[in-house]
Each structure stands twice: as structure tokens, then as C-alpha cells.
C-alpha atoms as a PDB file:
ATOM      1  CA  MET A   1      98.644  24.868  23.422  1.00  0.00           C
ATOM      2  CA  TYR A   2      99.510  22.222  26.021  1.00  0.00           C
ATOM      3  CA  ARG A   3      96.452  23.093  28.093  1.00  0.00           C
ATOM      4  CA  SER A   4      94.112  23.200  25.115  1.00  0.00           C
ATOM      5  CA  TYR A   5      95.347  19.722  24.066  1.00  0.00           C
ATOM      6  CA  ILE A   6      94.668  18.362  27.569  1.00  0.00           C
ATOM      7  CA  ASP A   7      91.152  19.896  27.480  1.00  0.00           C
ATOM      8  CA  GLY A   8      90.582  18.817  23.863  1.00  0.00           C
ATOM      9  CA  SER A   9      88.676  16.026  22.138  1.00  0.00           C
ATOM     10  CA  GLU A  10      91.749  13.838  21.493  1.00  0.00           C
ATOM     11  CA  THR A  11      92.494  13.621  25.228  1.00  0.00           C
ATOM     12  CA  ARG A  12      88.847  12.726  25.906  1.00  0.00           C
ATOM     13  CA  SER A  13      89.111   9.933  23.313  1.00  0.00           C
ATOM     14  CA  ILE A  14      92.266   8.622  25.018  1.00  0.00           C
ATOM     15  CA  LEU A  15      90.615   8.684  28.465  1.00  0.00           C
ATOM     16  CA  SER A  16      87.551   6.842  27.132  1.00  0.00           C
ATOM     17  CA  GLY A  17      89.785   4.166  25.585  1.00  0.00           C
ATOM     18  CA  GLN A  18      89.099   4.965  21.908  1.00  0.00           C
ATOM     19  CA  LEU A  19      92.689   6.097  21.253  1.00  0.00           C
ATOM     20  CA  LYS A  20      96.020   4.689  22.429  1.00  0.00           C
ATOM     21  CA  VAL A  21      97.629   6.673  25.254  1.00  0.00           C
ATOM     22  CA  PHE A  22     100.905   6.950  23.290  1.00  0.00           C
ATOM     23  CA  VAL A  23      99.188   9.251  20.784  1.00  0.00           C
ATOM     24  CA  GLY A  24      98.675  11.751  23.594  1.00  0.00           C
ATOM     25  CA  LEU A  25     102.120  11.283  25.127  1.00  0.00           C
ATOM     26  CA  ILE A  26     103.853  11.921  21.790  1.00  0.00           C
ATOM     27  CA  ALA A  27     101.739  15.034  21.124  1.00  0.00           C
ATOM     28  CA  LEU A  28     102.446  16.471  24.590  1.00  0.00           C
ATOM     29  CA  ARG A  29     106.198  15.853  24.251  1.00  0.00           C
ATOM     30  CA  LYS A  30     106.199  17.620  20.884  1.00  0.00           C
ATOM     31  CA  ILE A  31     104.468  20.678  22.373  1.00  0.00           C
ATOM     32  CA  CYS A  32     107.056  20.792  25.200  1.00  0.00           C
ATOM     33  CA  ASN A  33     109.956  20.766  22.724  1.00  0.00           C
ATOM     34  CA  HIS A  34     108.556  23.160  20.133  1.00  0.00           C
ATOM     35  CA  PRO A  35     104.875  23.932  19.440  1.00  0.00           C
ATOM     36  CA  ASP A  36     105.555  23.884  15.663  1.00  0.00           C
ATOM     37  CA  LEU A  37     106.305  20.140  15.867  1.00  0.00           C
ATOM     38  CA  PHE A  38     102.668  19.668  16.853  1.00  0.00           C
ATOM     39  CA  SER A  39     100.852  22.418  14.956  1.00  0.00           C
ATOM     40  CA  GLY A  40     103.170  23.338  12.067  1.00  0.00           C
ATOM     41  CA  ALA A  41     104.340  26.911  11.377  1.00  0.00           C
ATOM     42  CA  PRO A  42     101.815  29.646  12.221  1.00  0.00           C
ATOM     43  CA  LYS A  43      99.575  30.812   9.388  1.00  0.00           C
ATOM     44  CA  PRO A  44     100.359  34.413   8.418  1.00  0.00           C
ATOM     45  CA  SER A  45      97.357  36.551   9.425  1.00  0.00           C
ATOM     46  CA  SER A  46      96.207  39.120   6.865  1.00  0.00           C
ATOM     47  CA  ASP A  47      96.304  42.009   9.352  1.00  0.00           C
ATOM     48  CA  ASN A  48      99.827  41.188  10.488  1.00  0.00           C
ATOM     49  CA  GLU A  49     101.601  40.295   7.264  1.00  0.00           C
ATOM     50  CA  GLU A  50     103.917  43.275   7.412  1.00  0.00           C
ATOM     51  CA  GLY A  51     104.542  43.093  11.172  1.00  0.00           C
ATOM     52  CA  GLN A  52     105.439  39.412  11.022  1.00  0.00           C
ATOM     53  CA  SER A  53     108.879  38.932   9.515  1.00  0.00           C
ATOM     54  CA  GLU A  54     109.655  36.030   7.212  1.00  0.00           C
ATOM     55  CA  LYS A  55     111.960  34.561   9.885  1.00  0.00           C
ATOM     56  CA  GLU A  56     109.212  34.624  12.558  1.00  0.00           C
ATOM     57  CA  ALA A  57     106.711  32.920  10.251  1.00  0.00           C
ATOM     58  CA  ARG A  58     109.143  30.108   9.437  1.00  0.00           C
ATOM     59  CA  PHE A  59     108.690  26.601  10.846  1.00  0.00           C
ATOM     60  CA  GLY A  60     110.708  26.161  14.044  1.00  0.00           C
ATOM     61  CA  TYR A  61     111.327  29.844  14.873  1.00  0.00           C
ATOM     62  CA  TYR A  62     113.221  29.720  18.173  1.00  0.00           C
ATOM     63  CA  LYS A  63     111.227  32.358  20.102  1.00  0.00           C
ATOM     64  CA  ARG A  64     108.082  30.187  20.016  1.00  0.00           C
ATOM     65  CA  SER A  65     109.756  27.513  22.164  1.00  0.00           C
ATOM     66  CA  GLY A  66     110.675  28.061  25.812  1.00  0.00           C
ATOM     67  CA  LYS A  67     113.486  25.522  25.552  1.00  0.00           C
ATOM     68  CA  MET A  68     114.924  27.099  22.410  1.00  0.00           C
ATOM     69  CA  ILE A  69     115.000  30.508  24.146  1.00  0.00           C
ATOM     70  CA  VAL A  70     117.090  28.893  26.921  1.00  0.00           C
ATOM     71  CA  VAL A  71     119.388  27.271  24.326  1.00  0.00           C
ATOM     72  CA  HIS A  72     119.743  30.663  22.601  1.00  0.00           C
ATOM     73  CA  SER A  73     120.935  32.308  25.855  1.00  0.00           C
ATOM     74  CA  LEU A  74     123.264  29.432  26.765  1.00  0.00           C
ATOM     75  CA  LEU A  75     124.960  29.218  23.356  1.00  0.00           C
ATOM     76  CA  LYS A  76     125.525  32.965  23.245  1.00  0.00           C
ATOM     77  CA  LEU A  77     127.172  32.850  26.669  1.00  0.00           C
ATOM     78  CA  TRP A  78     129.238  29.712  26.010  1.00  0.00           C
ATOM     79  CA  LYS A  79     130.510  31.059  22.704  1.00  0.00           C
ATOM     80  CA  LYS A  80     131.903  34.106  24.553  1.00  0.00           C
ATOM     81  CA  GLN A  81     133.434  31.909  27.261  1.00  0.00           C
ATOM     82  CA  GLY A  82     135.113  29.589  24.748  1.00  0.00           C
ATOM     83  CA  HIS A  83     133.226  26.399  25.687  1.00  0.00           C
ATOM     84  CA  ARG A  84     132.222  23.693  23.214  1.00  0.00           C
ATOM     85  CA  VAL A  85     128.838  21.985  23.266  1.00  0.00           C
ATOM     86  CA  LEU A  86     127.106  18.647  22.709  1.00  0.00           C
ATOM     87  CA  LEU A  87     123.365  19.084  22.184  1.00  0.00           C
ATOM     88  CA  PHE A  88     121.218  15.935  22.349  1.00  0.00           C
ATOM     89  CA  SER A  89     117.581  15.504  21.335  1.00  0.00           C
ATOM     90  CA  GLN A  90     115.371  12.406  20.993  1.00  0.00           C
ATOM     91  CA  SER A  91     113.864  13.342  17.627  1.00  0.00           C
ATOM     92  CA  GLN A  92     115.417  14.059  14.232  1.00  0.00           C
ATOM     93  CA  MET A  93     112.739  16.674  13.522  1.00  0.00           C
ATOM     94  CA  MET A  94     113.719  18.644  16.639  1.00  0.00           C
ATOM     95  CA  LEU A  95     117.364  18.245  15.632  1.00  0.00           C
ATOM     96  CA  THR A  96     116.511  19.813  12.251  1.00  0.00           C
ATOM     97  CA  ILE A  97     114.955  22.837  14.018  1.00  0.00           C
ATOM     98  CA  ILE A  98     118.101  23.162  16.169  1.00  0.00           C
ATOM     99  CA  GLU A  99     120.277  22.800  13.051  1.00  0.00           C
ATOM    100  CA  HIS A 100     118.448  25.680  11.300  1.00  0.00           C
ATOM    101  CA  TYR A 101     118.906  27.761  14.428  1.00  0.00           C
ATOM    102  CA  VAL A 102     122.698  27.191  14.772  1.00  0.00           C
ATOM    103  CA  ARG A 103     123.188  27.762  11.029  1.00  0.00           C
ATOM    104  CA  ASP A 104     121.198  31.025  11.124  1.00  0.00           C
ATOM    105  CA  HIS A 105     123.317  32.283  14.024  1.00  0.00           C
ATOM    106  CA  GLY A 106     126.585  31.466  12.291  1.00  0.00           C
ATOM    107  CA  TYR A 107     127.776  28.788  14.733  1.00  0.00           C
ATOM    108  CA  LYS A 108     130.130  26.175  13.298  1.00  0.00           C
ATOM    109  CA  TYR A 109     128.477  22.796  13.885  1.00  0.00           C
ATOM    110  CA  LEU A 110     128.327  19.093  13.028  1.00  0.00           C
ATOM    111  CA  ARG A 111     125.248  16.840  13.029  1.00  0.00           C
ATOM    112  CA  LEU A 112     125.053  13.113  13.784  1.00  0.00           C
ATOM    113  CA  ASP A 113     121.792  11.129  13.645  1.00  0.00           C
ATOM    114  CA  GLY A 114     120.394   7.787  12.471  1.00  0.00           C
ATOM    115  CA  SER A 115     120.669   8.790   8.800  1.00  0.00           C
ATOM    116  CA  THR A 116     124.434   9.550   9.040  1.00  0.00           C
ATOM    117  CA  PRO A 117     126.356   6.777   7.193  1.00  0.00           C
ATOM    118  CA  ILE A 118     128.206   4.475   9.625  1.00  0.00           C
ATOM    119  CA  GLY A 119     131.472   4.956   7.705  1.00  0.00           C
ATOM    120  CA  SER A 120     131.569   8.703   8.176  1.00  0.00           C
ATOM    121  CA  ARG A 121     130.610   8.771  11.878  1.00  0.00           C
ATOM    122  CA  GLN A 122     134.090   8.180  13.293  1.00  0.00           C
ATOM    123  CA  ARG A 123     135.526  10.806  10.946  1.00  0.00           C
ATOM    124  CA  MET A 124     133.001  13.365  12.219  1.00  0.00           C
ATOM    125  CA  ILE A 125     133.797  12.515  15.852  1.00  0.00           C
ATOM    126  CA  SER A 126     137.543  12.935  15.242  1.00  0.00           C
ATOM    127  CA  GLU A 127     136.846  16.170  13.346  1.00  0.00           C
ATOM    128  CA  PHE A 128     134.918  17.555  16.319  1.00  0.00           C
ATOM    129  CA  ASN A 129     137.505  16.509  18.920  1.00  0.00           C
ATOM    130  CA  THR A 130     140.463  17.958  17.016  1.00  0.00           C
ATOM    131  CA  GLY A 131     138.752  20.839  15.171  1.00  0.00           C
ATOM    132  CA  ASP A 132     137.120  24.117  16.150  1.00  0.00           C
ATOM    133  CA  HIS A 133     133.420  23.284  15.762  1.00  0.00           C
ATOM    134  CA  PHE A 134     131.357  25.002  18.462  1.00  0.00           C
ATOM    135  CA  VAL A 135     128.285  22.708  18.568  1.00  0.00           C
ATOM    136  CA  PHE A 136     127.779  19.009  17.868  1.00  0.00           C
ATOM    137  CA  ILE A 137     124.064  18.165  17.577  1.00  0.00           C
ATOM    138  CA  LEU A 138     123.137  14.500  17.990  1.00  0.00           C
ATOM    139  CA  THR A 139     120.140  12.249  18.514  1.00  0.00           C
ATOM    140  CA  THR A 140     120.410  10.647  21.957  1.00  0.00           C
ATOM    141  CA  LYS A 141     120.343   7.061  20.670  1.00  0.00           C
ATOM    142  CA  VAL A 142     123.019   7.513  17.967  1.00  0.00           C
ATOM    143  CA  GLY A 143     125.263   9.613  20.185  1.00  0.00           C
ATOM    144  CA  GLY A 144     125.048   6.892  22.810  1.00  0.00           C
ATOM    145  CA  LEU A 145     127.339   3.901  22.961  1.00  0.00           C
ATOM    146  CA  GLY A 146     131.033   3.962  22.109  1.00  0.00           C
ATOM    147  CA  VAL A 147     131.210   7.612  21.098  1.00  0.00           C
ATOM    148  CA  ASN A 148     134.058   9.596  22.632  1.00  0.00           C
ATOM    149  CA  LEU A 149     133.485  13.356  22.421  1.00  0.00           C
ATOM    150  CA  THR A 150     135.941  14.831  24.909  1.00  0.00           C
ATOM    151  CA  GLY A 151     136.309  17.940  22.709  1.00  0.00           C
ATOM    152  CA  ALA A 152     133.158  19.328  24.394  1.00  0.00           C
ATOM    153  CA  ASN A 153     132.787  20.452  28.003  1.00  0.00           C
ATOM    154  CA  ARG A 154     129.107  21.480  27.953  1.00  0.00           C
ATOM    155  CA  VAL A 155     126.284  18.965  27.403  1.00  0.00           C
ATOM    156  CA  VAL A 156     122.616  19.857  26.842  1.00  0.00           C
ATOM    157  CA  ILE A 157     119.985  17.101  27.034  1.00  0.00           C
ATOM    158  CA  PHE A 158     117.079  18.795  25.266  1.00  0.00           C
ATOM    159  CA  ASP A 159     114.364  16.306  26.234  1.00  0.00           C
ATOM    160  CA  PRO A 160     114.294  13.430  28.770  1.00  0.00           C
ATOM    161  CA  ASP A 161     113.991   9.781  27.713  1.00  0.00           C
ATOM    162  CA  TRP A 162     111.819   7.184  29.469  1.00  0.00           C
ATOM    163  CA  ASN A 163     114.948   5.073  29.884  1.00  0.00           C
ATOM    164  CA  PRO A 164     117.456   6.623  32.332  1.00  0.00           C
ATOM    165  CA  SER A 165     120.420   4.765  30.801  1.00  0.00           C
ATOM    166  CA  THR A 166     119.844   6.509  27.435  1.00  0.00           C
ATOM    167  CA  ASP A 167     120.370   9.919  29.037  1.00  0.00           C
ATOM    168  CA  THR A 168     123.265   8.625  31.150  1.00  0.00           C
ATOM    169  CA  GLN A 169     125.070   7.329  28.058  1.00  0.00           C
ATOM    170  CA  ALA A 170     124.540  10.649  26.276  1.00  0.00           C
ATOM    171  CA  ARG A 171     125.901  12.469  29.310  1.00  0.00           C
ATOM    172  CA  GLU A 172     129.017  10.321  29.416  1.00  0.00           C
ATOM    173  CA  ARG A 173     130.041  10.987  25.805  1.00  0.00           C
ATOM    174  CA  SER A 174     131.973  14.006  27.036  1.00  0.00           C
ATOM    175  CA  TRP A 175     132.662  13.175  30.675  1.00  0.00           C
ATOM    176  CA  ARG A 176     135.181  10.339  30.265  1.00  0.00           C
ATOM    177  CA  ILE A 177     138.883   9.413  30.138  1.00  0.00           C
ATOM    178  CA  GLY A 178     140.807  11.994  28.128  1.00  0.00           C
ATOM    179  CA  GLN A 179     138.634  14.919  29.270  1.00  0.00           C
ATOM    180  CA  ASP A 180     140.836  17.500  30.993  1.00  0.00           C
ATOM    181  CA  ARG A 181     138.178  20.163  31.655  1.00  0.00           C
ATOM    182  CA  GLN A 182     135.228  20.404  34.025  1.00  0.00           C
ATOM    183  CA  VAL A 183     132.067  19.150  32.275  1.00  0.00           C
ATOM    184  CA  THR A 184     128.677  20.740  33.011  1.00  0.00           C
ATOM    185  CA  ILE A 185     125.448  18.988  32.002  1.00  0.00           C
ATOM    186  CA  TYR A 186     122.105  20.743  31.514  1.00  0.00           C
ATOM    187  CA  ARG A 187     118.755  19.015  31.221  1.00  0.00           C
ATOM    188  CA  LEU A 188     115.911  21.019  29.746  1.00  0.00           C
ATOM    189  CA  MET A 189     112.467  20.264  31.114  1.00  0.00           C
ATOM    190  CA  THR A 190     109.153  22.084  30.844  1.00  0.00           C
ATOM    191  CA  SER A 191     107.766  22.315  34.370  1.00  0.00           C
ATOM    192  CA  GLY A 192     104.301  21.004  35.164  1.00  0.00           C
ATOM    193  CA  THR A 193     104.203  18.817  32.051  1.00  0.00           C
ATOM    194  CA  ILE A 194     104.655  15.196  30.927  1.00  0.00           C
ATOM    195  CA  GLU A 195     108.432  15.788  30.943  1.00  0.00           C
ATOM    196  CA  GLU A 196     108.450  16.013  34.746  1.00  0.00           C
ATOM    197  CA  LYS A 197     106.600  12.677  34.850  1.00  0.00           C
ATOM    198  CA  ILE A 198     109.190  11.121  32.526  1.00  0.00           C
ATOM    199  CA  TYR A 199     111.995  12.436  34.711  1.00  0.00           C
ATOM    200  CA  HIS A 200     110.287  11.100  37.882  1.00  0.00           C
ATOM    201  CA  ARG A 201     110.026   7.713  36.153  1.00  0.00           C
ATOM    202  CA  GLN A 202     113.749   7.885  35.323  1.00  0.00           C
ATOM    203  CA  ILE A 203     114.636   8.596  38.965  1.00  0.00           C
ATOM    204  CA  PHE A 204     112.441   5.704  40.145  1.00  0.00           C
ATOM    205  CA  LYS A 205     114.012   3.274  37.630  1.00  0.00           C
ATOM    206  CA  GLN A 206     117.502   4.411  38.604  1.00  0.00           C
ATOM    207  CA  PHE A 207     116.585   3.932  42.273  1.00  0.00           C
ATOM    208  CA  LEU A 208     115.503   0.317  41.561  1.00  0.00           C
ATOM    209  CA  VAL A 209     118.705  -0.375  39.618  1.00  0.00           C
ATOM    210  CA  ASN A 210     120.809   0.979  42.485  1.00  0.00           C
ATOM    211  CA  ARG A 211     118.862  -1.061  45.065  1.00  0.00           C
ATOM    212  CA  ILE A 212     119.443  -4.265  43.095  1.00  0.00           C
ATOM    213  CA  LEU A 213     123.034  -3.725  41.937  1.00  0.00           C
ATOM    214  CA  LYS A 214     124.540  -1.653  44.751  1.00  0.00           C
ATOM    215  CA  ASP A 215     122.533  -2.098  47.960  1.00  0.00           C
END
């Protein structure tokens, strides 16, 4: 799907200046996260109606996304090992797909995004730190500043942000004063795609910041 988009008419329009480049960047990032974000759920084909289960035909089915397959393996392993997880994504739509996934697999979870009322956010954070929820799913921006989530010791950054400090802040929600366990952070990136470019841009920006502030 990624390749066909790059070879398609929309990309040609962008290259000829008829469309804004951001249209293409957003589409490519969606495909990297989950193809259904770009194309919608697959249409059930008449010859495969019986072979295709209702779950597989549903929007956001995890086996259609490389990243979701990785998340599936990691969560299964971490649940056995007794770890607790923060899972960050840039988009609310992707967060909804992840939410359906964790609910379907019976994981106890909390969700925090831009639509969560300000008044109930601190209560949810305290509930996660003191309770037994396995996964806390958050949008990167909302789960950024001033949020202390030392109840978790595994962090997954589902998709990279253009701004390195956004990812750094997300990473440091768990790795901070009060954390008494080793914290491991995973970044998910689709190789050979726009996400590698975004990550390269992050490294370059971070390099400039370090040159100015530290060197």
C-alpha cells in the first residue's frame, strides 16, 4: 500500500506542486501505523465471506499492521513477566485501534487523550500508579508535561514525532524520581519509510540543541 501510494496519482500531484506536501506525509504516516487508517476496513469479498472471520474484517484488525503485531508479542510477554506499560501514539484514531485491541485481549487498561476532562486526569494517573492496570494508552502530547507515571516500567512510542522533545517528554513520564525499577523504552518504526526520515530529523534537531546548549 505504501509503494502504491508513492507510485500513485496523489504523489504525482504533490511533486508537480498541485497538492500540499503535508497531504502525502500524513497519508504515508497513516499507512505505517495501520493501513486501515488510510484505506478503511477491507471490503468482504464474495468468494471469501466464510473464510474471513468477523474479527478479521473489522476496522483496525491487528494482524494487518506490522507495528500492531510487534505490540501483540510485547504485551503478551510483558504480561507474563509482570511488567506494566505506557503506550504512546500521536493520533487519537490510532489510540482507538489500540484500545479495541487491549479490550479484546482482556488487558486491564486506562486511556488518556485530548478529550479526557482535565478534572479527571490526575485521578486516572493516581489510579494507574497505585492500581493494577496493565496498560495505560496515551496520546503523546497529552501524556507529556507534568504527568508522573512511575507505576509503569515499559514505554512504547508507537510513532515518532517531528519534534524530538515531544518524544523525550513522553519517555520521561515513567523514568523519573520515584521510579524504583529499570525502565525500558521501545520506539516502533517502519524501516525504509517516512518514519525513518522523521527520526533522522529528530536526531539532527537534538544534535543542534546539544551543540548550542552543551558544547
